[in-house]
Amino acid sequence: MKCCSTEDPKTKEEIETLKRKLADEQKKRLDLEGERSVQEEKIRLRKIDLSQVREKVVQQEVIKMEEDPILRSECDTFLQNINNEQKQKDSLKTELYQLQRQKADLDLQLEELERERRARRDAELEIQRLRVTLNELEIRDKENREKVTVNRR
């Protein structure tokens, strides 16, 4: 995209706003991915803890497998958090796509405005050139009429 002093300020401001939104959304996405990795690591560690708890129960006295309800609850919570973050990530991807499409549309509009501006400028220059030519012709016509008047006398 070309930047020049003839851009429509509203369009330029809208493009800058969209660029900031896009950067914010990309940062949110990266933050969510980081948080997701942290949550997945917590789940992995909790599963290890859970398996160790099972082994302890088995090794102590009973040959009965038991789940720690607190660990199970924490795992379920982590899984729910990951699912929510995945939904939010998908939503952000959709919004990012829409913003990119909107930016492309605005870029096309800006190009069209630039073409119209150039065409208008070319037309103004042509009008100016024609006015100069008309003025010159009027001067010549006046001079020719004066010559004809002089010659008739």
C-alpha atoms as a PDB file:
ATOM      1  CA  MET A   1       0.000   0.000   0.000  1.00  0.00           C
ATOM      2  CA  LYS A   2       1.325   3.400  -0.957  1.00  0.00           C
ATOM      3  CA  CYS A   3       1.343   6.160   1.624  1.00  0.00           C
ATOM      4  CA  CYS A   4       1.061   9.691   0.396  1.00  0.00           C
ATOM      5  CA  SER A   5      -0.315  12.997   1.509  1.00  0.00           C
ATOM      6  CA  THR A   6      -3.395  12.666  -0.719  1.00  0.00           C
ATOM      7  CA  GLU A   7      -4.950   9.739   1.197  1.00  0.00           C
ATOM      8  CA  ASP A   8      -8.399  10.167   2.667  1.00  0.00           C
ATOM      9  CA  PRO A   9      -7.725  10.749   6.411  1.00  0.00           C
ATOM     10  CA  LYS A  10     -10.756   8.709   7.473  1.00  0.00           C
ATOM     11  CA  THR A  11      -9.671   5.728   5.378  1.00  0.00           C
ATOM     12  CA  LYS A  12      -6.104   6.059   6.606  1.00  0.00           C
ATOM     13  CA  GLU A  13      -7.308   6.247  10.216  1.00  0.00           C
ATOM     14  CA  GLU A  14      -9.587   3.236   9.696  1.00  0.00           C
ATOM     15  CA  ILE A  15      -6.689   1.263   8.208  1.00  0.00           C
ATOM     16  CA  GLU A  16      -4.474   2.181  11.177  1.00  0.00           C
ATOM     17  CA  THR A  17      -7.253   1.170  13.581  1.00  0.00           C
ATOM     18  CA  LEU A  18      -7.632  -2.185  11.807  1.00  0.00           C
ATOM     19  CA  LYS A  19      -3.875  -2.722  11.923  1.00  0.00           C
ATOM     20  CA  ARG A  20      -3.892  -2.082  15.689  1.00  0.00           C
ATOM     21  CA  LYS A  21      -6.840  -4.468  16.158  1.00  0.00           C
ATOM     22  CA  LEU A  22      -5.038  -7.092  14.092  1.00  0.00           C
ATOM     23  CA  ALA A  23      -1.885  -6.731  16.206  1.00  0.00           C
ATOM     24  CA  ASP A  24      -3.965  -6.946  19.416  1.00  0.00           C
ATOM     25  CA  GLU A  25      -5.758 -10.062  18.202  1.00  0.00           C
ATOM     26  CA  GLN A  26      -2.472 -11.690  17.224  1.00  0.00           C
ATOM     27  CA  LYS A  27      -1.046 -10.897  20.676  1.00  0.00           C
ATOM     28  CA  LYS A  28      -4.166 -12.360  22.336  1.00  0.00           C
ATOM     29  CA  ARG A  29      -3.783 -15.473  20.214  1.00  0.00           C
ATOM     30  CA  LEU A  30      -0.146 -15.891  21.230  1.00  0.00           C
ATOM     31  CA  ASP A  31      -1.048 -15.303  24.893  1.00  0.00           C
ATOM     32  CA  LEU A  32      -3.804 -17.926  24.677  1.00  0.00           C
ATOM     33  CA  GLU A  33      -1.471 -20.432  23.062  1.00  0.00           C
ATOM     34  CA  GLY A  34       1.049 -19.834  25.845  1.00  0.00           C
ATOM     35  CA  GLU A  35      -1.640 -20.285  28.494  1.00  0.00           C
ATOM     36  CA  ARG A  36      -2.820 -23.436  26.750  1.00  0.00           C
ATOM     37  CA  SER A  37       0.704 -24.887  26.902  1.00  0.00           C
ATOM     38  CA  VAL A  38       0.889 -24.070  30.623  1.00  0.00           C
ATOM     39  CA  GLN A  39      -2.488 -25.746  31.236  1.00  0.00           C
ATOM     40  CA  GLU A  40      -1.498 -28.833  29.233  1.00  0.00           C
ATOM     41  CA  GLU A  41       1.718 -29.112  31.261  1.00  0.00           C
ATOM     42  CA  LYS A  42      -0.303 -28.844  34.490  1.00  0.00           C
ATOM     43  CA  ILE A  43      -2.600 -31.627  33.294  1.00  0.00           C
ATOM     44  CA  ARG A  44       0.372 -33.791  32.382  1.00  0.00           C
ATOM     45  CA  LEU A  45       1.898 -33.257  35.846  1.00  0.00           C
ATOM     46  CA  ARG A  46      -1.447 -33.902  37.557  1.00  0.00           C
ATOM     47  CA  LYS A  47      -1.828 -37.152  35.642  1.00  0.00           C
ATOM     48  CA  ILE A  48       1.626 -38.191  36.817  1.00  0.00           C
ATOM     49  CA  ASP A  49       0.627 -37.271  40.382  1.00  0.00           C
ATOM     50  CA  LEU A  50      -2.606 -39.193  39.952  1.00  0.00           C
ATOM     51  CA  SER A  51      -0.808 -42.293  38.742  1.00  0.00           C
ATOM     52  CA  GLN A  52       1.601 -42.075  41.697  1.00  0.00           C
ATOM     53  CA  VAL A  53      -1.319 -41.787  44.082  1.00  0.00           C
ATOM     54  CA  ARG A  54      -2.815 -44.919  42.505  1.00  0.00           C
ATOM     55  CA  GLU A  55       0.458 -46.748  42.920  1.00  0.00           C
ATOM     56  CA  LYS A  56       0.710 -45.722  46.562  1.00  0.00           C
ATOM     57  CA  VAL A  57      -2.797 -46.977  47.254  1.00  0.00           C
ATOM     58  CA  VAL A  58      -2.023 -50.286  45.573  1.00  0.00           C
ATOM     59  CA  GLN A  59       1.315 -50.671  47.272  1.00  0.00           C
ATOM     60  CA  GLN A  60       0.086 -49.855  50.731  1.00  0.00           C
ATOM     61  CA  GLU A  61      -2.627 -52.322  51.467  1.00  0.00           C
ATOM     62  CA  VAL A  62      -5.437 -52.626  48.993  1.00  0.00           C
ATOM     63  CA  ILE A  63      -5.450 -53.866  45.420  1.00  0.00           C
ATOM     64  CA  LYS A  64      -8.099 -51.345  44.614  1.00  0.00           C
ATOM     65  CA  MET A  65      -7.657 -48.475  42.178  1.00  0.00           C
ATOM     66  CA  GLU A  66      -8.846 -45.140  43.448  1.00  0.00           C
ATOM     67  CA  GLU A  67      -8.911 -41.702  41.937  1.00  0.00           C
ATOM     68  CA  ASP A  68      -8.242 -38.695  44.055  1.00  0.00           C
ATOM     69  CA  PRO A  69     -11.439 -36.651  43.738  1.00  0.00           C
ATOM     70  CA  ILE A  70      -9.518 -33.393  44.194  1.00  0.00           C
ATOM     71  CA  LEU A  71      -7.050 -34.275  41.420  1.00  0.00           C
ATOM     72  CA  ARG A  72      -9.909 -35.427  39.191  1.00  0.00           C
ATOM     73  CA  SER A  73     -11.679 -32.133  39.791  1.00  0.00           C
ATOM     74  CA  GLU A  74      -8.512 -30.187  38.979  1.00  0.00           C
ATOM     75  CA  CYS A  75      -8.020 -32.200  35.765  1.00  0.00           C
ATOM     76  CA  ASP A  76     -11.611 -31.574  34.744  1.00  0.00           C
ATOM     77  CA  THR A  77     -11.180 -27.879  35.436  1.00  0.00           C
ATOM     78  CA  PHE A  78      -7.981 -27.763  33.369  1.00  0.00           C
ATOM     79  CA  LEU A  79      -9.680 -29.597  30.507  1.00  0.00           C
ATOM     80  CA  GLN A  80     -12.602 -27.167  30.630  1.00  0.00           C
ATOM     81  CA  ASN A  81     -10.153 -24.234  30.599  1.00  0.00           C
ATOM     82  CA  ILE A  82      -8.382 -25.677  27.573  1.00  0.00           C
ATOM     83  CA  ASN A  83     -11.700 -26.190  25.770  1.00  0.00           C
ATOM     84  CA  ASN A  84     -12.741 -22.621  26.550  1.00  0.00           C
ATOM     85  CA  GLU A  85      -9.404 -21.300  25.341  1.00  0.00           C
ATOM     86  CA  GLN A  86      -9.709 -23.343  22.151  1.00  0.00           C
ATOM     87  CA  LYS A  87     -13.143 -21.843  21.527  1.00  0.00           C
ATOM     88  CA  GLN A  88     -11.757 -18.371  22.158  1.00  0.00           C
ATOM     89  CA  LYS A  89      -8.828 -19.093  19.839  1.00  0.00           C
ATOM     90  CA  ASP A  90     -11.224 -20.220  17.103  1.00  0.00           C
ATOM     91  CA  SER A  91     -13.315 -17.106  17.647  1.00  0.00           C
ATOM     92  CA  LEU A  92     -10.198 -14.921  17.418  1.00  0.00           C
ATOM     93  CA  LYS A  93      -9.160 -16.702  14.209  1.00  0.00           C
ATOM     94  CA  THR A  94     -12.575 -15.962  12.724  1.00  0.00           C
ATOM     95  CA  GLU A  95     -12.357 -12.333  13.804  1.00  0.00           C
ATOM     96  CA  LEU A  96      -8.829 -12.090  12.418  1.00  0.00           C
ATOM     97  CA  TYR A  97     -10.023 -13.467   9.082  1.00  0.00           C
ATOM     98  CA  GLN A  98     -12.881 -10.939   9.019  1.00  0.00           C
ATOM     99  CA  LEU A  99     -10.505  -8.089   9.847  1.00  0.00           C
ATOM    100  CA  GLN A 100      -8.117  -9.193   7.112  1.00  0.00           C
ATOM    101  CA  ARG A 101     -10.997  -9.317   4.633  1.00  0.00           C
ATOM    102  CA  GLN A 102     -12.180  -5.883   5.753  1.00  0.00           C
ATOM    103  CA  LYS A 103      -8.646  -4.505   5.370  1.00  0.00           C
ATOM    104  CA  ALA A 104      -8.426  -5.943   1.852  1.00  0.00           C
ATOM    105  CA  ASP A 105     -11.758  -4.308   0.998  1.00  0.00           C
ATOM    106  CA  LEU A 106     -10.520  -0.988   2.360  1.00  0.00           C
ATOM    107  CA  ASP A 107      -7.294  -1.323   0.377  1.00  0.00           C
ATOM    108  CA  LEU A 108      -9.366  -1.822  -2.785  1.00  0.00           C
ATOM    109  CA  GLN A 109     -11.496   1.201  -1.936  1.00  0.00           C
ATOM    110  CA  LEU A 110      -8.365   3.260  -1.357  1.00  0.00           C
ATOM    111  CA  GLU A 111      -6.952   2.192  -4.729  1.00  0.00           C
ATOM    112  CA  GLU A 112     -10.249   3.153  -6.386  1.00  0.00           C
ATOM    113  CA  LEU A 113     -10.206   6.543  -4.653  1.00  0.00           C
ATOM    114  CA  GLU A 114      -6.622   7.072  -5.842  1.00  0.00           C
ATOM    115  CA  ARG A 115      -7.639   6.224  -9.428  1.00  0.00           C
ATOM    116  CA  GLU A 116     -10.571   8.625  -9.206  1.00  0.00           C
ATOM    117  CA  ARG A 117      -8.342  11.340  -7.753  1.00  0.00           C
ATOM    118  CA  ARG A 118      -5.817  10.890 -10.580  1.00  0.00           C
ATOM    119  CA  ALA A 119      -8.598  10.927 -13.189  1.00  0.00           C
ATOM    120  CA  ARG A 120     -10.070  14.086 -11.634  1.00  0.00           C
ATOM    121  CA  ARG A 121      -6.616  15.722 -11.610  1.00  0.00           C
ATOM    122  CA  ASP A 122      -6.057  14.734 -15.251  1.00  0.00           C
ATOM    123  CA  ALA A 123      -9.474  16.163 -16.166  1.00  0.00           C
ATOM    124  CA  GLU A 124      -8.669  19.416 -14.325  1.00  0.00           C
ATOM    125  CA  LEU A 125      -5.373  19.702 -16.193  1.00  0.00           C
ATOM    126  CA  GLU A 126      -7.154  19.055 -19.498  1.00  0.00           C
ATOM    127  CA  ILE A 127      -9.753  21.757 -18.687  1.00  0.00           C
ATOM    128  CA  GLN A 128      -6.963  24.157 -17.806  1.00  0.00           C
ATOM    129  CA  ARG A 129      -5.164  23.357 -21.077  1.00  0.00           C
ATOM    130  CA  LEU A 130      -8.401  23.849 -23.057  1.00  0.00           C
ATOM    131  CA  ARG A 131      -9.042  27.202 -21.350  1.00  0.00           C
ATOM    132  CA  VAL A 132      -5.573  28.398 -22.327  1.00  0.00           C
ATOM    133  CA  THR A 133      -6.168  27.236 -25.918  1.00  0.00           C
ATOM    134  CA  LEU A 134      -9.600  28.935 -25.962  1.00  0.00           C
ATOM    135  CA  ASN A 135      -8.094  32.138 -24.643  1.00  0.00           C
ATOM    136  CA  GLU A 136      -5.402  32.038 -27.337  1.00  0.00           C
ATOM    137  CA  LEU A 137      -8.035  31.447 -30.037  1.00  0.00           C
ATOM    138  CA  GLU A 138     -10.161  34.328 -28.755  1.00  0.00           C
ATOM    139  CA  ILE A 139      -7.130  36.629 -28.844  1.00  0.00           C
ATOM    140  CA  ARG A 140      -6.316  35.517 -32.422  1.00  0.00           C
ATOM    141  CA  ASP A 141      -9.947  35.985 -33.441  1.00  0.00           C
ATOM    142  CA  LYS A 142      -9.976  39.516 -32.030  1.00  0.00           C
ATOM    143  CA  GLU A 143      -6.707  40.303 -33.825  1.00  0.00           C
ATOM    144  CA  ASN A 144      -8.068  38.891 -37.073  1.00  0.00           C
ATOM    145  CA  ARG A 145     -11.246  40.972 -36.772  1.00  0.00           C
ATOM    146  CA  GLU A 146      -9.159  44.084 -36.186  1.00  0.00           C
ATOM    147  CA  LYS A 147      -7.101  43.258 -39.296  1.00  0.00           C
ATOM    148  CA  VAL A 148     -10.262  42.708 -41.300  1.00  0.00           C
ATOM    149  CA  THR A 149     -11.662  46.034 -40.053  1.00  0.00           C
ATOM    150  CA  VAL A 150      -8.413  47.818 -40.923  1.00  0.00           C
ATOM    151  CA  ASN A 151      -8.256  46.195 -44.360  1.00  0.00           C
ATOM    152  CA  ARG A 152     -11.853  47.212 -45.115  1.00  0.00           C
ATOM    153  CA  ARG A 153     -11.116  50.863 -44.428  1.00  0.00           C
END
